[in-house]
């Protein structure tokens, strides 16, 4: 009878420790999910900024020295 009670007590302690361990892991994963969601939002905003036509035009003109061509040098090529 004593062995049965000791066995039940050991199982109870083990199962309680497992519940606590899984609960802590769940808490860690929830924090990571929040962090990743925030990072995803930040990256989306960065993507929108980087793909902005105005930003690209400014970069092309200031950093690359590009200019719009004069209408006289534009040639339209039609597919035969």
N, C-alpha and C. Protein backbone atom coordinates (compact mmCIF):
# COMPACT_ATOMS: atom_id res chain seq x y z
N UNK A 1 0.83 -1.19 0.00
CA UNK A 1 0.00 0.00 0.00
C UNK A 1 0.88 1.27 0.00
N UNK A 2 1.97 1.25 0.74
CA UNK A 2 2.87 2.39 0.84
C UNK A 2 3.51 2.66 -0.52
N UNK A 3 3.90 1.60 -1.23
CA UNK A 3 4.50 1.76 -2.56
C UNK A 3 3.52 2.42 -3.53
N UNK A 4 2.26 2.06 -3.40
CA UNK A 4 1.23 2.64 -4.27
C UNK A 4 1.08 4.14 -4.00
N UNK A 5 1.07 4.52 -2.72
CA UNK A 5 0.95 5.93 -2.36
C UNK A 5 2.19 6.70 -2.81
N UNK A 6 3.36 6.12 -2.65
CA UNK A 6 4.59 6.78 -3.10
C UNK A 6 4.57 6.92 -4.62
N UNK A 7 4.13 5.88 -5.31
CA UNK A 7 4.03 5.93 -6.77
C UNK A 7 3.08 7.01 -7.24
N UNK A 8 1.92 7.11 -6.58
CA UNK A 8 0.94 8.14 -6.92
C UNK A 8 1.50 9.52 -6.63
N UNK A 9 2.20 9.67 -5.51
CA UNK A 9 2.78 10.97 -5.15
C UNK A 9 3.85 11.37 -6.16
N UNK A 10 4.70 10.44 -6.55
CA UNK A 10 5.74 10.73 -7.54
C UNK A 10 5.10 11.12 -8.88
N UNK A 11 4.08 10.38 -9.28
CA UNK A 11 3.39 10.71 -10.54
C UNK A 11 2.76 12.09 -10.46
N UNK A 12 2.15 12.43 -9.33
CA UNK A 12 1.53 13.74 -9.18
C UNK A 12 2.57 14.85 -9.30
N UNK A 13 3.70 14.70 -8.60
CA UNK A 13 4.75 15.72 -8.64
C UNK A 13 5.29 15.83 -10.07
N UNK A 14 5.54 14.70 -10.72
CA UNK A 14 6.05 14.71 -12.09
C UNK A 14 5.07 15.40 -13.03
N UNK A 15 3.79 15.03 -12.94
CA UNK A 15 2.79 15.62 -13.84
C UNK A 15 2.64 17.12 -13.57
N UNK A 16 2.71 17.52 -12.32
CA UNK A 16 2.62 18.95 -12.00
C UNK A 16 3.83 19.70 -12.58
N UNK A 17 5.01 19.11 -12.47
CA UNK A 17 6.22 19.73 -13.04
C UNK A 17 6.09 19.84 -14.55
N UNK A 18 5.50 18.85 -15.19
CA UNK A 18 5.30 18.90 -16.65
C UNK A 18 4.34 20.03 -17.02
N UNK A 19 3.29 20.18 -16.26
CA UNK A 19 2.31 21.25 -16.52
C UNK A 19 2.99 22.61 -16.38
N UNK A 20 3.79 22.78 -15.34
CA UNK A 20 4.50 24.04 -15.13
C UNK A 20 5.47 24.29 -16.28
N UNK A 21 6.23 23.25 -16.69
CA UNK A 21 7.19 23.39 -17.78
C UNK A 21 6.49 23.77 -19.09
N UNK A 22 5.39 23.11 -19.39
CA UNK A 22 4.65 23.41 -20.62
C UNK A 22 4.06 24.82 -20.55
N UNK A 23 3.59 25.21 -19.38
CA UNK A 23 3.05 26.56 -19.22
C UNK A 23 4.11 27.63 -19.45
N UNK A 24 5.31 27.38 -18.94
CA UNK A 24 6.40 28.34 -19.15
C UNK A 24 6.78 28.41 -20.62
N UNK A 25 6.81 27.26 -21.27
CA UNK A 25 7.15 27.24 -22.71
C UNK A 25 6.09 27.99 -23.50
N UNK A 26 4.83 27.79 -23.15
CA UNK A 26 3.74 28.48 -23.83
C UNK A 26 3.88 29.99 -23.66
N UNK A 27 4.24 30.42 -22.47
CA UNK A 27 4.44 31.85 -22.21
C UNK A 27 5.58 32.40 -23.08
N UNK A 28 6.67 31.64 -23.18
CA UNK A 28 7.80 32.07 -24.02
C UNK A 28 7.37 32.18 -25.49
N UNK A 29 6.60 31.21 -25.94
CA UNK A 29 6.17 31.22 -27.34
C UNK A 29 5.21 32.37 -27.63
N UNK A 30 4.36 32.70 -26.67
CA UNK A 30 3.46 33.84 -26.85
C UNK A 30 4.25 35.14 -26.96
N UNK A 31 5.29 35.28 -26.13
CA UNK A 31 6.13 36.48 -26.21
C UNK A 31 6.83 36.55 -27.56
N UNK A 32 7.32 35.40 -28.02
CA UNK A 32 7.98 35.37 -29.33
C UNK A 32 7.01 35.71 -30.45
N UNK A 33 5.77 35.24 -30.32
CA UNK A 33 4.77 35.54 -31.33
C UNK A 33 4.51 37.05 -31.40
N UNK A 34 4.42 37.69 -30.25
CA UNK A 34 4.21 39.15 -30.21
C UNK A 34 5.41 39.85 -30.86
N UNK A 35 6.62 39.41 -30.51
CA UNK A 35 7.83 40.02 -31.07
C UNK A 35 7.87 39.85 -32.59
N UNK A 36 7.54 38.66 -33.06
CA UNK A 36 7.58 38.41 -34.50
C UNK A 36 6.49 39.18 -35.24
N UNK A 37 5.33 39.32 -34.61
CA UNK A 37 4.25 40.10 -35.22
C UNK A 37 4.67 41.56 -35.35
N UNK A 38 5.31 42.09 -34.31
CA UNK A 38 5.79 43.48 -34.37
C UNK A 38 6.88 43.64 -35.42
N UNK A 39 7.78 42.66 -35.50
CA UNK A 39 8.84 42.74 -36.50
C UNK A 39 8.26 42.65 -37.91
N UNK A 40 7.27 41.80 -38.10
CA UNK A 40 6.62 41.68 -39.41
C UNK A 40 5.99 43.01 -39.81
N UNK A 41 5.31 43.66 -38.87
CA UNK A 41 4.69 44.96 -39.15
C UNK A 41 5.76 46.00 -39.51
N UNK A 42 6.87 45.99 -38.76
CA UNK A 42 7.95 46.93 -39.04
C UNK A 42 8.54 46.69 -40.43
N UNK A 43 8.72 45.42 -40.78
CA UNK A 43 9.27 45.09 -42.09
C UNK A 43 8.32 45.46 -43.22
N UNK A 44 7.01 45.31 -42.98
CA UNK A 44 6.04 45.73 -43.99
C UNK A 44 6.12 47.24 -44.24
N UNK A 45 6.25 47.99 -43.14
CA UNK A 45 6.35 49.44 -43.27
C UNK A 45 7.65 49.81 -43.99
N UNK A 46 8.73 49.10 -43.69
CA UNK A 46 10.00 49.35 -44.36
C UNK A 46 9.89 49.03 -45.85
N UNK A 47 9.20 47.95 -46.18
CA UNK A 47 9.01 47.57 -47.58
C UNK A 47 8.22 48.65 -48.31
N UNK A 48 7.16 49.13 -47.70
CA UNK A 48 6.35 50.18 -48.31
C UNK A 48 7.21 51.42 -48.55
N UNK A 49 8.03 51.76 -47.57
CA UNK A 49 8.91 52.92 -47.70
C UNK A 49 9.91 52.73 -48.83
N UNK A 50 10.52 51.54 -48.87
CA UNK A 50 11.55 51.30 -49.89
C UNK A 50 10.97 51.23 -51.30
N UNK A 51 9.72 50.84 -51.41
CA UNK A 51 9.10 50.74 -52.74
C UNK A 51 8.40 52.03 -53.16
N UNK A 52 8.46 53.05 -52.34
CA UNK A 52 7.83 54.32 -52.64
C UNK A 52 8.44 54.92 -53.92
N UNK A 53 7.59 55.27 -54.87
CA UNK A 53 8.05 55.83 -56.13
C UNK A 53 8.82 57.13 -55.90
N UNK A 54 8.34 57.97 -55.00
CA UNK A 54 9.01 59.24 -54.72
C UNK A 54 10.42 58.98 -54.18
N UNK A 55 10.56 58.01 -53.28
CA UNK A 55 11.87 57.69 -52.73
C UNK A 55 12.80 57.18 -53.82
N UNK A 56 12.29 56.33 -54.69
CA UNK A 56 13.10 55.79 -55.78
C UNK A 56 13.54 56.90 -56.73
N UNK A 57 12.62 57.80 -57.05
CA UNK A 57 12.96 58.92 -57.94
C UNK A 57 14.03 59.81 -57.30
N UNK A 58 13.87 60.09 -56.02
CA UNK A 58 14.85 60.92 -55.31
C UNK A 58 16.21 60.24 -55.29
N UNK A 59 16.24 58.96 -55.00
CA UNK A 59 17.51 58.22 -54.97
C UNK A 59 18.15 58.22 -56.35
N UNK A 60 17.35 57.97 -57.38
CA UNK A 60 17.89 57.92 -58.74
C UNK A 60 18.49 59.27 -59.15
N UNK A 61 17.83 60.36 -58.79
CA UNK A 61 18.34 61.66 -59.22
C UNK A 61 19.51 62.14 -58.36
N UNK A 62 19.45 61.92 -57.04
CA UNK A 62 20.52 62.44 -56.18
C UNK A 62 21.73 61.52 -56.10
N UNK A 63 21.50 60.25 -55.96
CA UNK A 63 22.63 59.32 -55.76
C UNK A 63 23.19 58.78 -57.08
N UNK A 64 22.32 58.59 -58.05
CA UNK A 64 22.76 58.00 -59.32
C UNK A 64 22.92 59.03 -60.44
N UNK A 65 22.46 60.25 -60.19
CA UNK A 65 22.60 61.30 -61.19
C UNK A 65 21.69 61.11 -62.40
N UNK A 66 20.62 60.38 -62.23
CA UNK A 66 19.71 60.14 -63.36
C UNK A 66 18.78 61.33 -63.54
N UNK A 67 18.38 61.56 -64.78
CA UNK A 67 17.44 62.63 -65.11
C UNK A 67 16.42 62.08 -66.10
N UNK A 68 15.29 62.76 -66.17
CA UNK A 68 14.30 62.38 -67.17
C UNK A 68 14.84 62.75 -68.55
N UNK A 69 14.62 61.92 -69.55
CA UNK A 69 15.13 62.23 -70.88
C UNK A 69 14.32 63.36 -71.53
N UNK A 70 14.97 64.08 -72.40
CA UNK A 70 14.28 65.11 -73.18
C UNK A 70 13.34 64.40 -74.16
N UNK A 71 12.18 64.98 -74.41
CA UNK A 71 11.23 64.34 -75.34
C UNK A 71 11.83 64.08 -76.72
N UNK A 72 12.79 64.87 -77.12
CA UNK A 72 13.37 64.72 -78.46
C UNK A 72 14.23 63.46 -78.61
N UNK A 73 14.71 62.88 -77.49
CA UNK A 73 15.55 61.69 -77.56
C UNK A 73 14.79 60.41 -77.29
N UNK A 74 13.50 60.53 -77.04
CA UNK A 74 12.68 59.34 -76.78
C UNK A 74 12.28 58.71 -78.10
N UNK A 75 12.52 57.44 -78.24
CA UNK A 75 12.15 56.70 -79.46
C UNK A 75 11.18 55.59 -79.06
N UNK A 76 10.09 55.50 -79.75
CA UNK A 76 9.10 54.45 -79.51
C UNK A 76 9.38 53.32 -80.49
N UNK A 77 9.56 52.14 -79.98
CA UNK A 77 9.83 50.99 -80.83
C UNK A 77 8.59 50.10 -80.81
N UNK A 78 8.06 49.86 -81.97
CA UNK A 78 6.87 49.02 -82.07
C UNK A 78 7.26 47.60 -82.44
N UNK A 79 6.53 46.67 -81.91
CA UNK A 79 6.79 45.27 -82.24
C UNK A 79 6.26 44.99 -83.65
N UNK A 80 7.04 44.29 -84.46
CA UNK A 80 6.58 44.06 -85.86
C UNK A 80 5.41 43.10 -85.91
